[in-house]
Amino acid sequence: MSKQISAAASSSPSPTVTRHRRTYKGERSLRNSVVALIVLFNAVLLVYPIGKAFSGSFHQWNPLNGTYKWVGTQNYSDLFRDPAFWTSLTNTLYFSVVVIILRVGLGLALAYAIWSKVTRHKTLFRTIFYMPTVTPMVLSPTCGR
């Protein structure tokens, strides 16, 4: 008898229950207005200045008096022929690689020091690590007195 019940239970499809989250009045309009504000913010403060600067790179452009003189790609050809550009690009790439490697390496070393079973004085490492985060919160209420 138990085999018949289990066979019957496994052969019938189980009903799927779909639960809808209750939306409150005004939630959709609030969500849409927040998304529209974020899109507007990005368009005005990010996309427009980048586009304006890119457009200005093809001009002999003085933003103070608003003069534009089309020079095409002359600015870029001057840039790529300038040895100071290549020196600064090399220095920037070198600095970026060194800083990234040191930050990742230092972060991994601190993480290992905090969570390792081998390391002594874990409390000291945690205190040093969290001190810059905790100190302003502790001092803020007392500064105004």
N, C-alpha and C. Protein backbone atom coordinates (compact mmCIF):
# COMPACT_ATOMS: atom_id res chain seq x y z
N MET A 1 0.81 -1.18 0.00
CA MET A 1 0.00 0.00 0.00
C MET A 1 0.86 1.25 0.00
N SER A 2 1.97 1.22 0.72
CA SER A 2 2.83 2.40 0.78
C SER A 2 3.49 2.68 -0.57
N LYS A 3 3.72 1.60 -1.36
CA LYS A 3 4.30 1.80 -2.68
C LYS A 3 3.32 2.50 -3.60
N GLN A 4 2.03 2.21 -3.47
CA GLN A 4 1.02 2.84 -4.31
C GLN A 4 0.90 4.34 -3.99
N ILE A 5 0.98 4.69 -2.71
CA ILE A 5 0.85 6.10 -2.31
C ILE A 5 2.06 6.89 -2.79
N SER A 6 3.25 6.32 -2.63
CA SER A 6 4.44 7.05 -3.05
C SER A 6 4.50 7.17 -4.56
N ALA A 7 4.05 6.16 -5.29
CA ALA A 7 4.04 6.23 -6.75
C ALA A 7 3.04 7.26 -7.22
N ALA A 8 1.89 7.32 -6.56
CA ALA A 8 0.87 8.30 -6.95
C ALA A 8 1.32 9.71 -6.63
N ALA A 9 2.03 9.87 -5.51
CA ALA A 9 2.49 11.20 -5.11
C ALA A 9 3.58 11.71 -6.03
N SER A 10 4.44 10.80 -6.52
CA SER A 10 5.53 11.24 -7.36
C SER A 10 5.07 11.48 -8.79
N SER A 11 3.99 10.85 -9.25
CA SER A 11 3.56 11.00 -10.63
C SER A 11 2.75 12.28 -10.84
N SER A 12 2.09 12.77 -9.81
CA SER A 12 1.29 13.99 -10.00
C SER A 12 2.19 15.21 -9.87
N PRO A 13 2.00 16.17 -10.76
CA PRO A 13 2.84 17.37 -10.68
C PRO A 13 2.47 18.19 -9.46
N SER A 14 3.50 18.70 -8.81
CA SER A 14 3.24 19.51 -7.63
C SER A 14 2.85 20.91 -8.09
N PRO A 15 1.87 21.47 -7.46
CA PRO A 15 1.43 22.80 -7.87
C PRO A 15 2.50 23.84 -7.49
N THR A 16 2.76 24.74 -8.41
CA THR A 16 3.73 25.80 -8.12
C THR A 16 2.98 26.98 -7.54
N VAL A 17 3.48 27.46 -6.46
CA VAL A 17 2.86 28.58 -5.80
C VAL A 17 3.68 29.82 -6.13
N THR A 18 3.03 30.77 -6.76
CA THR A 18 3.71 32.03 -7.06
C THR A 18 3.20 33.08 -6.09
N ARG A 19 4.12 33.67 -5.43
CA ARG A 19 3.76 34.72 -4.49
C ARG A 19 4.25 36.05 -5.04
N HIS A 20 3.35 36.97 -5.08
CA HIS A 20 3.71 38.29 -5.56
C HIS A 20 3.95 39.20 -4.37
N ARG A 21 4.98 39.99 -4.51
CA ARG A 21 5.27 40.95 -3.45
C ARG A 21 4.26 42.07 -3.56
N ARG A 22 3.76 42.46 -2.45
CA ARG A 22 2.75 43.51 -2.42
C ARG A 22 3.41 44.85 -2.70
N THR A 23 2.90 45.56 -3.68
CA THR A 23 3.43 46.89 -3.98
C THR A 23 2.52 47.92 -3.32
N TYR A 24 3.13 48.88 -2.73
CA TYR A 24 2.39 49.91 -2.04
C TYR A 24 2.09 51.08 -2.96
N LYS A 25 1.12 51.84 -2.61
CA LYS A 25 0.70 52.98 -3.41
C LYS A 25 1.86 53.98 -3.50
N GLY A 26 2.20 54.36 -4.68
CA GLY A 26 3.25 55.33 -4.89
C GLY A 26 4.64 54.74 -5.00
N GLU A 27 4.79 53.42 -4.80
CA GLU A 27 6.11 52.80 -4.85
C GLU A 27 6.70 52.85 -6.26
N ARG A 28 5.88 52.57 -7.25
CA ARG A 28 6.38 52.57 -8.62
C ARG A 28 6.80 53.96 -9.06
N SER A 29 6.01 54.97 -8.71
CA SER A 29 6.38 56.33 -9.11
C SER A 29 7.64 56.80 -8.37
N LEU A 30 7.78 56.42 -7.11
CA LEU A 30 8.99 56.77 -6.37
C LEU A 30 10.20 56.09 -6.97
N ARG A 31 10.07 54.82 -7.30
CA ARG A 31 11.17 54.07 -7.90
C ARG A 31 11.56 54.69 -9.25
N ASN A 32 10.58 55.01 -10.06
CA ASN A 32 10.87 55.59 -11.37
C ASN A 32 11.50 56.98 -11.24
N SER A 33 11.04 57.76 -10.28
CA SER A 33 11.62 59.10 -10.12
C SER A 33 13.05 59.02 -9.60
N VAL A 34 13.35 58.06 -8.74
CA VAL A 34 14.73 57.89 -8.25
C VAL A 34 15.64 57.44 -9.39
N VAL A 35 15.19 56.51 -10.21
CA VAL A 35 15.99 56.06 -11.34
C VAL A 35 16.18 57.20 -12.34
N ALA A 36 15.12 57.99 -12.59
CA ALA A 36 15.24 59.12 -13.51
C ALA A 36 16.22 60.16 -12.97
N LEU A 37 16.22 60.37 -11.67
CA LEU A 37 17.16 61.32 -11.07
C LEU A 37 18.60 60.83 -11.21
N ILE A 38 18.83 59.55 -11.03
CA ILE A 38 20.18 59.00 -11.19
C ILE A 38 20.64 59.10 -12.64
N VAL A 39 19.75 58.81 -13.58
CA VAL A 39 20.10 58.92 -15.00
C VAL A 39 20.39 60.37 -15.36
N LEU A 40 19.58 61.30 -14.87
CA LEU A 40 19.80 62.72 -15.12
C LEU A 40 21.12 63.19 -14.52
N PHE A 41 21.41 62.76 -13.30
CA PHE A 41 22.66 63.10 -12.64
C PHE A 41 23.85 62.63 -13.46
N ASN A 42 23.82 61.38 -13.91
CA ASN A 42 24.91 60.85 -14.71
C ASN A 42 25.04 61.58 -16.04
N ALA A 43 23.91 61.91 -16.66
CA ALA A 43 23.96 62.60 -17.95
C ALA A 43 24.54 63.99 -17.80
N VAL A 44 24.12 64.72 -16.77
CA VAL A 44 24.55 66.11 -16.63
C VAL A 44 25.97 66.20 -16.10
N LEU A 45 26.32 65.40 -15.13
CA LEU A 45 27.61 65.55 -14.47
C LEU A 45 28.70 64.62 -14.99
N LEU A 46 28.36 63.63 -15.80
CA LEU A 46 29.38 62.73 -16.34
C LEU A 46 29.44 62.74 -17.86
N VAL A 47 28.33 62.44 -18.49
CA VAL A 47 28.33 62.25 -19.94
C VAL A 47 28.57 63.56 -20.67
N TYR A 48 27.87 64.63 -20.29
CA TYR A 48 28.03 65.91 -20.97
C TYR A 48 29.45 66.46 -20.88
N PRO A 49 30.07 66.52 -19.69
CA PRO A 49 31.44 67.03 -19.65
C PRO A 49 32.44 66.19 -20.43
N ILE A 50 32.28 64.86 -20.39
CA ILE A 50 33.19 64.00 -21.16
C ILE A 50 33.00 64.25 -22.65
N GLY A 51 31.76 64.34 -23.10
CA GLY A 51 31.49 64.63 -24.50
C GLY A 51 32.00 66.00 -24.92
N LYS A 52 31.83 66.99 -24.07
CA LYS A 52 32.30 68.35 -24.36
C LYS A 52 33.83 68.38 -24.45
N ALA A 53 34.51 67.69 -23.55
CA ALA A 53 35.98 67.64 -23.58
C ALA A 53 36.46 66.89 -24.82
N PHE A 54 35.79 65.80 -25.18
CA PHE A 54 36.17 65.06 -26.38
C PHE A 54 35.97 65.91 -27.62
N SER A 55 34.87 66.61 -27.68
CA SER A 55 34.61 67.53 -28.79
C SER A 55 35.64 68.64 -28.82
N GLY A 56 36.00 69.15 -27.66
CA GLY A 56 37.00 70.21 -27.59
C GLY A 56 38.38 69.76 -27.98
N SER A 57 38.65 68.46 -27.92
CA SER A 57 39.99 67.98 -28.28
C SER A 57 40.25 68.08 -29.77
N PHE A 58 39.22 68.26 -30.58
CA PHE A 58 39.38 68.44 -32.02
C PHE A 58 39.40 69.90 -32.42
N HIS A 59 39.41 70.79 -31.44
CA HIS A 59 39.40 72.22 -31.69
C HIS A 59 40.58 72.89 -30.98
N GLN A 60 40.96 74.05 -31.50
CA GLN A 60 41.80 74.95 -30.74
C GLN A 60 40.80 75.74 -29.91
N TRP A 61 40.70 75.39 -28.63
CA TRP A 61 39.54 75.77 -27.83
C TRP A 61 39.99 76.61 -26.65
N ASN A 62 39.38 77.76 -26.49
CA ASN A 62 39.60 78.58 -25.31
C ASN A 62 38.27 78.68 -24.58
N PRO A 63 38.07 77.92 -23.50
CA PRO A 63 36.77 77.92 -22.82
C PRO A 63 36.46 79.23 -22.10
N LEU A 64 37.46 80.06 -21.87
CA LEU A 64 37.21 81.32 -21.16
C LEU A 64 36.46 82.32 -22.03
N ASN A 65 36.83 82.44 -23.30
CA ASN A 65 36.09 83.36 -24.16
C ASN A 65 35.24 82.64 -25.20
N GLY A 66 35.26 81.31 -25.21
CA GLY A 66 34.36 80.53 -26.06
C GLY A 66 34.76 80.46 -27.51
N THR A 67 36.02 80.59 -27.83
CA THR A 67 36.44 80.51 -29.23
C THR A 67 36.78 79.07 -29.59
N TYR A 68 36.29 78.66 -30.76
CA TYR A 68 36.56 77.33 -31.29
C TYR A 68 37.17 77.49 -32.67
N LYS A 69 38.26 76.82 -32.90
CA LYS A 69 38.86 76.76 -34.23
C LYS A 69 39.14 75.30 -34.52
N TRP A 70 38.52 74.77 -35.56
CA TRP A 70 38.66 73.36 -35.90
C TRP A 70 40.08 73.07 -36.33
N VAL A 71 40.72 72.09 -35.67
CA VAL A 71 42.06 71.66 -36.06
C VAL A 71 42.09 70.17 -36.36
N GLY A 72 41.01 69.48 -36.18
CA GLY A 72 40.94 68.05 -36.48
C GLY A 72 41.79 67.23 -35.52
N THR A 73 42.58 66.34 -36.07
CA THR A 73 43.40 65.46 -35.24
C THR A 73 44.80 66.02 -34.99
N GLN A 74 45.00 67.29 -35.29
CA GLN A 74 46.31 67.92 -35.10
C GLN A 74 46.74 67.87 -33.63
N ASN A 75 45.78 68.07 -32.71
CA ASN A 75 46.12 68.01 -31.27
C ASN A 75 46.65 66.63 -30.88
N TYR A 76 46.03 65.58 -31.44
CA TYR A 76 46.47 64.22 -31.12
C TYR A 76 47.84 63.91 -31.73
N SER A 77 48.07 64.35 -32.95
CA SER A 77 49.38 64.10 -33.56
C SER A 77 50.48 64.87 -32.82
N ASP A 78 50.16 66.09 -32.35
CA ASP A 78 51.13 66.83 -31.53
C ASP A 78 51.40 66.11 -30.21
N LEU A 79 50.34 65.57 -29.64
CA LEU A 79 50.46 64.87 -28.36
C LEU A 79 51.34 63.64 -28.48
N PHE A 80 51.12 62.83 -29.53
CA PHE A 80 51.89 61.60 -29.67
C PHE A 80 53.34 61.84 -30.07
N ARG A 81 53.65 63.02 -30.59
CA ARG A 81 55.03 63.35 -30.92
C ARG A 81 55.78 64.00 -29.76
N ASP A 82 55.07 64.37 -28.71
CA ASP A 82 55.69 65.06 -27.58
C ASP A 82 56.37 64.06 -26.64
N PRO A 83 57.66 64.19 -26.38
CA PRO A 83 58.33 63.24 -25.48
C PRO A 83 57.87 63.38 -24.03
N ALA A 84 57.39 64.55 -23.64
CA ALA A 84 56.90 64.72 -22.27
C ALA A 84 55.65 63.87 -22.03
N PHE A 85 54.82 63.69 -23.08
CA PHE A 85 53.63 62.85 -22.96
C PHE A 85 54.03 61.40 -22.69
N TRP A 86 55.01 60.90 -23.44
CA TRP A 86 55.42 59.52 -23.27
C TRP A 86 56.09 59.29 -21.92
N THR A 87 56.85 60.30 -21.46
CA THR A 87 57.46 60.20 -20.13
C THR A 87 56.39 60.16 -19.05
N SER A 88 55.40 61.04 -19.15
CA SER A 88 54.35 61.07 -18.14
C SER A 88 53.48 59.82 -18.21
N LEU A 89 53.24 59.29 -19.40
CA LEU A 89 52.47 58.06 -19.53
C LEU A 89 53.22 56.88 -18.91
N THR A 90 54.52 56.82 -19.15
CA THR A 90 55.33 55.75 -18.56
C THR A 90 55.34 55.86 -17.02
N ASN A 91 55.50 57.07 -16.52
CA ASN A 91 55.49 57.27 -15.06
C ASN A 91 54.14 56.91 -14.46
N THR A 92 53.07 57.27 -15.14
CA THR A 92 51.73 56.95 -14.63
C THR A 92 51.50 55.45 -14.62
N LEU A 93 51.88 54.77 -15.68
CA LEU A 93 51.71 53.31 -15.72
C LEU A 93 52.56 52.62 -14.65
N TYR A 94 53.80 53.06 -14.50
CA TYR A 94 54.67 52.50 -13.47
C TYR A 94 54.07 52.73 -12.08
N PHE A 95 53.64 53.95 -11.81
CA PHE A 95 53.04 54.27 -10.52
C PHE A 95 51.79 53.43 -10.27
N SER A 96 50.94 53.29 -11.29
CA SER A 96 49.71 52.51 -11.13
C SER A 96 50.01 51.06 -10.83
N VAL A 97 50.93 50.46 -11.55
CA VAL A 97 51.25 49.05 -11.33
C VAL A 97 51.84 48.85 -9.93
N VAL A 98 52.77 49.71 -9.53
CA VAL A 98 53.40 49.57 -8.21
C VAL A 98 52.37 49.77 -7.10
N VAL A 99 51.52 50.79 -7.22
CA VAL A 99 50.53 51.05 -6.18
C VAL A 99 49.53 49.91 -6.08
N ILE A 100 49.08 49.40 -7.21
CA ILE A 100 48.10 48.31 -7.18
C ILE A 100 48.72 47.07 -6.55
N ILE A 101 49.93 46.73 -6.94
CA ILE A 101 50.59 45.54 -6.38
C ILE A 101 50.81 45.71 -4.88
N LEU A 102 51.29 46.90 -4.46
CA LEU A 102 51.52 47.11 -3.04
C LEU A 102 50.22 47.12 -2.23
N ARG A 103 49.17 47.74 -2.77
CA ARG A 103 47.91 47.76 -2.03
C ARG A 103 47.31 46.37 -1.90
N VAL A 104 47.32 45.62 -2.98
CA VAL A 104 46.77 44.26 -2.91
C VAL A 104 47.64 43.41 -2.00
N GLY A 105 48.95 43.51 -2.14
CA GLY A 105 49.85 42.73 -1.29
C GLY A 105 49.72 43.10 0.18
N LEU A 106 49.66 44.40 0.47
CA LEU A 106 49.50 44.84 1.86
C LEU A 106 48.14 44.41 2.41
N GLY A 107 47.10 44.52 1.59
CA GLY A 107 45.77 44.08 2.03
C GLY A 107 45.72 42.60 2.33
N LEU A 108 46.34 41.80 1.48
CA LEU A 108 46.37 40.35 1.72
C LEU A 108 47.21 40.02 2.95
N ALA A 109 48.31 40.74 3.14
CA ALA A 109 49.15 40.48 4.32
C ALA A 109 48.40 40.85 5.60
N LEU A 110 47.69 41.98 5.59
CA LEU A 110 46.89 42.35 6.77
C LEU A 110 45.76 41.36 7.02
N ALA A 111 45.11 40.93 5.95
CA ALA A 111 44.04 39.95 6.13
C ALA A 111 44.58 38.64 6.70
N TYR A 112 45.73 38.23 6.23
CA TYR A 112 46.36 37.02 6.75
C TYR A 112 46.77 37.21 8.21
N ALA A 113 47.28 38.39 8.53
CA ALA A 113 47.71 38.67 9.90
C ALA A 113 46.52 38.69 10.85
N ILE A 114 45.40 39.19 10.39
CA ILE A 114 44.23 39.28 11.27
C ILE A 114 43.60 37.90 11.48
N TRP A 115 43.53 37.07 10.45
CA TRP A 115 42.79 35.82 10.55
C TRP A 115 43.64 34.57 10.68
N SER A 116 44.95 34.69 10.64
CA SER A 116 45.80 33.51 10.69
C SER A 116 45.84 32.92 12.10
N LYS A 117 46.01 31.62 12.16
CA LYS A 117 46.16 30.95 13.45
C LYS A 117 47.59 31.07 13.95
N VAL A 118 48.51 31.36 13.06
CA VAL A 118 49.93 31.45 13.41
C VAL A 118 50.25 32.79 14.09
N THR A 119 49.56 33.83 13.68
CA THR A 119 49.87 35.18 14.13
C THR A 119 49.46 35.39 15.59
N ARG A 120 50.37 35.98 16.34
CA ARG A 120 50.06 36.38 17.71
C ARG A 120 49.54 37.81 17.69
N HIS A 121 48.94 38.20 18.75
CA HIS A 121 48.46 39.58 18.94
C HIS A 121 47.46 40.00 17.87
N LYS A 122 46.51 39.14 17.58
CA LYS A 122 45.48 39.46 16.59
C LYS A 122 44.68 40.68 17.01
N THR A 123 44.46 40.83 18.29
CA THR A 123 43.70 41.97 18.79
C THR A 123 44.42 43.28 18.47
N LEU A 124 45.72 43.29 18.56
CA LEU A 124 46.49 44.48 18.22
C LEU A 124 46.34 44.81 16.74
N PHE A 125 46.45 43.81 15.87
CA PHE A 125 46.28 44.04 14.44
C PHE A 125 44.88 44.56 14.13
N ARG A 126 43.87 43.97 14.74
CA ARG A 126 42.50 44.43 14.50
C ARG A 126 42.30 45.85 15.00
N THR A 127 42.90 46.18 16.13
CA THR A 127 42.80 47.54 16.67
C THR A 127 43.46 48.54 15.73
N ILE A 128 44.65 48.22 15.27
CA ILE A 128 45.36 49.12 14.34
C ILE A 128 44.59 49.25 13.03
N PHE A 129 44.01 48.16 12.57
CA PHE A 129 43.29 48.17 11.31
C PHE A 129 42.02 49.01 11.39
N TYR A 130 41.28 48.90 12.50
CA TYR A 130 40.00 49.60 12.62
C TYR A 130 40.12 50.98 13.27
N MET A 131 41.28 51.36 13.75
CA MET A 131 41.45 52.65 14.41
C MET A 131 41.04 53.84 13.54
N PRO A 132 41.43 53.92 12.27
CA PRO A 132 41.02 55.07 11.47
C PRO A 132 39.51 55.14 11.23
N THR A 133 38.82 54.02 11.31
CA THR A 133 37.38 54.01 11.13
C THR A 133 36.65 54.41 12.40
N VAL A 134 37.14 53.95 13.53
CA VAL A 134 36.44 54.15 14.79
C VAL A 134 36.73 55.51 15.40
N THR A 135 37.92 56.03 15.23
CA THR A 135 38.33 57.28 15.89
C THR A 135 37.42 58.46 15.57
N PRO A 136 37.05 58.74 14.31
CA PRO A 136 36.16 59.88 14.07
C PRO A 136 34.79 59.72 14.70
N MET A 137 34.27 58.48 14.75
CA MET A 137 32.96 58.26 15.35
C MET A 137 33.00 58.51 16.86
N VAL A 138 34.12 58.20 17.49
CA VAL A 138 34.24 58.41 18.93
C VAL A 138 34.42 59.89 19.23
N LEU A 139 35.18 60.60 18.42
CA LEU A 139 35.48 61.99 18.69
C LEU A 139 34.39 62.96 18.26
N SER A 140 33.52 62.57 17.33
CA SER A 140 32.51 63.50 16.81
C SER A 140 31.58 64.05 17.89
N PRO A 141 30.99 63.26 18.76
CA PRO A 141 30.08 63.83 19.76
C PRO A 141 30.80 64.74 20.76
N THR A 142 32.08 64.53 21.00
CA THR A 142 32.76 65.32 22.02
C THR A 142 33.39 66.59 21.46
N CYS A 143 33.48 66.73 20.15
CA CYS A 143 34.14 67.90 19.56
C CYS A 143 33.32 69.17 19.73
N GLY A 144 32.02 69.07 19.75
CA GLY A 144 31.16 70.26 19.80
C GLY A 144 31.02 70.83 21.20
N ARG A 145 31.52 70.17 22.20
CA ARG A 145 31.33 70.63 23.59
C ARG A 145 32.35 71.61 24.01
